[in-house]
Amino acid sequence: MATQTGKKVEATKAKTNSAHGLRDLFEVGLKDIYYAEKILSKTLPKMAKNASTPELTTTLNKHLTETNEHISRLEKIFEVTGIKPAAKKCEAMEGILKESDDMINKTDQGIVRDASIIASEQKAKHYEIATYGTLHAFAKTMGENKAADLLAMTLNEEKKADARLTELAMTSINNKAFKADAISNPRM
C-alpha cells in the first residue's frame, strides 16, 4: 500500500479479461489505434471542409489519404501477427475529436478556426505518435519484425504530418489568427 498526500492508496485489481502479458497489451493497443484511425478517417473530411486556408485543406486531405493507408496497414499487421482484426473504442481519440468538433462549432469560419483545426489535428497526431511508438517497441520486443516495420512506417508518417502542421501553423496561420485577434480586440 503506497501513500500519496497522506492517504492510503490501494493497488488496482485487474479485471478477469485484463491483459496478462506484452502480447495482450499489443493486441489491445492495435485494436485501440484501429478504432482511432477509423474514426479519424470520418472526421478529417469535416475538418477539411471547415478549413479556409487552401494549404490546410490540402494538408488535411493528404492526412485522410494517409489515414486510410494506416487502416490498411493495421489490417496487414493483424494478419501477420495472427490477431483477429477488431476495433476497440478509443476513448482518447473520441475525446480529442469531440473537442475538435466543439472548437469548430465555437469559432467563425476563417483563420482562427484554421488555427483551432491545426491544434485539434496535432492533438490527434500526438496521440497516434505515442501509440504507434509504443506498439513498435512492443512488436520489436516480441520479435514481430514485419509488424514492427509496418508500425515504424506509420510512425514516421505521423511524425511528418505533425511537422507539416507545425510548419503551417508557425509560418502563416497562427500569425494571421493573432493579427485577426488584434484587429477585433484592440486591447492588444
Protein backbone atom coordinates (compact mmCIF):
# COMPACT_ATOMS: atom_id res chain seq x y z
CA MET A 1 0.00 0.00 0.00
CA ALA A 2 1.52 3.31 -1.12
CA THR A 3 0.82 6.69 0.33
CA GLN A 4 0.05 9.77 -1.64
CA THR A 5 -0.51 13.07 0.16
CA GLY A 6 -1.08 11.17 3.37
CA LYS A 7 -3.87 8.97 2.01
CA LYS A 8 -3.71 5.21 1.62
CA VAL A 9 -3.77 4.11 -1.99
CA GLU A 10 -4.67 0.55 -2.88
CA ALA A 11 -3.36 -1.14 -6.00
CA THR A 12 -6.00 -1.60 -8.67
CA LYS A 13 -7.05 -5.20 -9.09
CA ALA A 14 -7.10 -6.46 -12.66
CA LYS A 15 -10.42 -7.44 -14.20
CA THR A 16 -10.82 -11.02 -15.34
CA ASN A 17 -10.48 -10.06 -19.04
CA SER A 18 -7.38 -7.98 -18.46
CA ALA A 19 -4.06 -8.08 -20.29
CA HIS A 20 -1.68 -10.61 -18.78
CA GLY A 21 1.37 -10.11 -20.96
CA LEU A 22 3.03 -7.88 -23.51
CA ARG A 23 1.24 -9.60 -26.39
CA ASP A 24 -2.10 -8.84 -24.72
CA LEU A 25 -1.09 -5.18 -24.38
CA PHE A 26 0.00 -5.18 -28.01
CA GLU A 27 -3.35 -6.60 -29.12
CA VAL A 28 -5.32 -4.09 -27.04
CA GLY A 29 -3.19 -1.26 -28.45
CA LEU A 30 -3.69 -2.42 -32.04
CA LYS A 31 -7.45 -2.59 -31.61
CA ASP A 32 -7.46 0.84 -29.95
CA ILE A 33 -5.48 2.58 -32.73
CA TYR A 34 -7.51 0.73 -35.38
CA TYR A 35 -10.64 2.33 -33.94
CA ALA A 36 -8.86 5.69 -33.62
CA GLU A 37 -7.78 5.67 -37.26
CA LYS A 38 -11.26 4.67 -38.43
CA ILE A 39 -12.97 7.46 -36.50
CA LEU A 40 -10.32 9.95 -37.62
CA SER A 41 -10.99 8.98 -41.24
CA LYS A 42 -14.61 10.03 -40.72
CA THR A 43 -13.67 13.32 -39.02
CA LEU A 44 -10.92 14.61 -41.31
CA PRO A 45 -13.34 15.45 -44.16
CA LYS A 46 -15.30 17.74 -41.81
CA MET A 47 -12.07 19.43 -40.73
CA ALA A 48 -11.04 19.92 -44.36
CA LYS A 49 -14.46 21.27 -45.28
CA ASN A 50 -14.28 23.79 -42.44
CA ALA A 51 -10.73 24.95 -43.19
CA SER A 52 -10.46 28.24 -45.07
CA THR A 53 -6.78 28.11 -45.97
CA PRO A 54 -6.08 26.12 -49.15
CA GLU A 55 -2.79 24.78 -47.71
CA LEU A 56 -4.59 23.48 -44.62
CA THR A 57 -7.33 21.88 -46.72
CA THR A 58 -4.68 20.17 -48.86
CA THR A 59 -2.78 19.00 -45.77
CA LEU A 60 -5.93 17.58 -44.17
CA ASN A 61 -6.90 15.78 -47.38
CA LYS A 62 -3.40 14.30 -47.54
CA HIS A 63 -3.81 13.17 -43.92
CA LEU A 64 -7.09 11.50 -44.89
CA THR A 65 -5.33 9.55 -47.63
CA GLU A 66 -2.57 8.55 -45.20
CA THR A 67 -5.13 7.62 -42.53
CA ASN A 68 -6.82 5.24 -44.96
CA GLU A 69 -3.38 3.74 -45.72
CA HIS A 70 -2.79 3.37 -41.97
CA ILE A 71 -6.06 1.47 -41.62
CA SER A 72 -4.98 -0.90 -44.41
CA ARG A 73 -1.55 -1.27 -42.83
CA LEU A 74 -3.12 -2.10 -39.46
CA GLU A 75 -5.19 -4.79 -41.16
CA LYS A 76 -1.94 -6.21 -42.56
CA ILE A 77 -0.44 -6.13 -39.03
CA PHE A 78 -3.44 -8.05 -37.69
CA GLU A 79 -2.87 -10.59 -40.45
CA VAL A 80 0.88 -11.06 -39.94
CA THR A 81 0.53 -11.33 -36.16
CA GLY A 82 -2.45 -13.68 -36.25
CA ILE A 83 -4.59 -11.29 -34.23
CA LYS A 84 -8.24 -11.06 -35.20
CA PRO A 85 -8.91 -7.60 -36.67
CA ALA A 86 -11.29 -5.70 -34.44
CA ALA A 87 -11.71 -2.14 -33.28
CA LYS A 88 -11.88 -1.34 -29.57
CA LYS A 89 -13.41 2.02 -28.71
CA CYS A 90 -10.64 4.56 -28.19
CA GLU A 91 -11.81 6.95 -25.51
CA ALA A 92 -8.78 9.20 -26.04
CA MET A 93 -9.41 9.80 -29.74
CA GLU A 94 -13.15 10.15 -29.09
CA GLY A 95 -12.35 12.93 -26.61
CA ILE A 96 -9.87 14.67 -28.91
CA LEU A 97 -12.31 14.62 -31.82
CA LYS A 98 -15.24 15.77 -29.67
CA GLU A 99 -13.11 18.69 -28.55
CA SER A 100 -12.23 19.38 -32.19
CA ASP A 101 -15.89 19.40 -33.17
CA ASP A 102 -16.67 21.76 -30.28
CA MET A 103 -13.91 24.14 -31.40
CA ILE A 104 -15.16 24.14 -34.99
CA ASN A 105 -18.65 24.96 -33.74
CA LYS A 106 -17.38 27.73 -31.45
CA THR A 107 -15.22 29.59 -33.98
CA ASP A 108 -16.20 31.61 -37.01
CA GLN A 109 -15.21 30.32 -40.43
CA GLY A 110 -11.77 31.71 -41.18
CA ILE A 111 -8.21 31.85 -39.95
CA VAL A 112 -8.98 31.46 -36.23
CA ARG A 113 -10.94 28.28 -36.97
CA ASP A 114 -7.98 27.11 -39.06
CA ALA A 115 -5.70 27.58 -36.05
CA SER A 116 -8.12 25.54 -33.90
CA ILE A 117 -8.28 22.80 -36.54
CA ILE A 118 -4.48 22.56 -36.58
CA ALA A 119 -4.41 22.39 -32.78
CA SER A 120 -7.00 19.61 -32.78
CA GLU A 121 -5.31 17.65 -35.55
CA GLN A 122 -1.98 17.92 -33.74
CA LYS A 123 -3.53 16.53 -30.57
CA ALA A 124 -4.72 13.57 -32.62
CA LYS A 125 -1.28 13.21 -34.24
CA HIS A 126 0.46 13.26 -30.85
CA TYR A 127 -1.83 10.51 -29.59
CA GLU A 128 -1.10 8.48 -32.71
CA ILE A 129 2.66 9.07 -32.40
CA ALA A 130 2.62 7.89 -28.78
CA THR A 131 0.55 4.82 -29.64
CA TYR A 132 2.49 3.80 -32.74
CA GLY A 133 5.79 4.32 -30.89
CA THR A 134 4.64 2.07 -28.08
CA LEU A 135 3.28 -0.60 -30.43
CA HIS A 136 6.53 -0.51 -32.44
CA ALA A 137 8.54 -1.10 -29.26
CA PHE A 138 6.23 -3.95 -28.23
CA ALA A 139 6.49 -5.57 -31.69
CA LYS A 140 10.32 -5.32 -31.68
CA THR A 141 10.48 -6.83 -28.20
CA MET A 142 8.25 -9.75 -29.22
CA GLY A 143 10.21 -10.41 -32.42
CA GLU A 144 7.26 -9.41 -34.62
CA ASN A 145 9.61 -7.83 -37.16
CA LYS A 146 7.14 -7.47 -40.05
CA ALA A 147 4.64 -5.76 -37.75
CA ALA A 148 7.44 -3.60 -36.31
CA ASP A 149 8.46 -2.49 -39.82
CA LEU A 150 4.87 -1.58 -40.71
CA LEU A 151 4.40 0.27 -37.43
CA ALA A 152 7.67 2.17 -37.99
CA MET A 153 6.41 3.29 -41.42
CA THR A 154 3.22 4.66 -39.92
CA LEU A 155 5.06 6.25 -37.01
CA ASN A 156 7.36 8.07 -39.44
CA GLU A 157 4.37 9.31 -41.48
CA GLU A 158 2.62 10.56 -38.34
CA LYS A 159 5.72 12.48 -37.28
CA LYS A 160 5.99 14.06 -40.75
CA ALA A 161 2.32 15.02 -40.68
CA ASP A 162 2.78 16.63 -37.26
CA ALA A 163 5.82 18.56 -38.51
CA ARG A 164 3.85 19.78 -41.54
CA LEU A 165 1.06 21.04 -39.28
CA THR A 166 3.59 22.84 -37.09
CA GLU A 167 5.18 24.42 -40.14
CA LEU A 168 1.81 25.56 -41.47
CA ALA A 169 0.82 26.99 -38.10
CA MET A 170 4.11 28.76 -37.44
CA THR A 171 4.74 30.16 -40.93
CA SER A 172 1.31 31.63 -41.56
CA ILE A 173 -1.88 30.57 -39.82
CA ASN A 174 -1.05 31.42 -36.21
CA ASN A 175 0.31 34.87 -37.16
CA LYS A 176 -2.77 35.63 -39.25
CA ALA A 177 -5.05 34.44 -36.44
CA PHE A 178 -3.17 36.64 -33.98
CA LYS A 179 -3.46 39.66 -36.28
CA ALA A 180 -7.18 38.99 -36.71
CA ASP A 181 -7.49 38.91 -32.94
CA ALA A 182 -5.54 42.17 -32.59
CA ILE A 183 -7.89 43.86 -35.07
CA SER A 184 -11.08 42.59 -33.45
CA ASN A 185 -9.75 43.06 -29.90
CA PRO A 186 -7.72 46.29 -29.85
CA ARG A 187 -6.70 45.72 -26.19
CA MET A 188 -3.57 44.01 -27.51
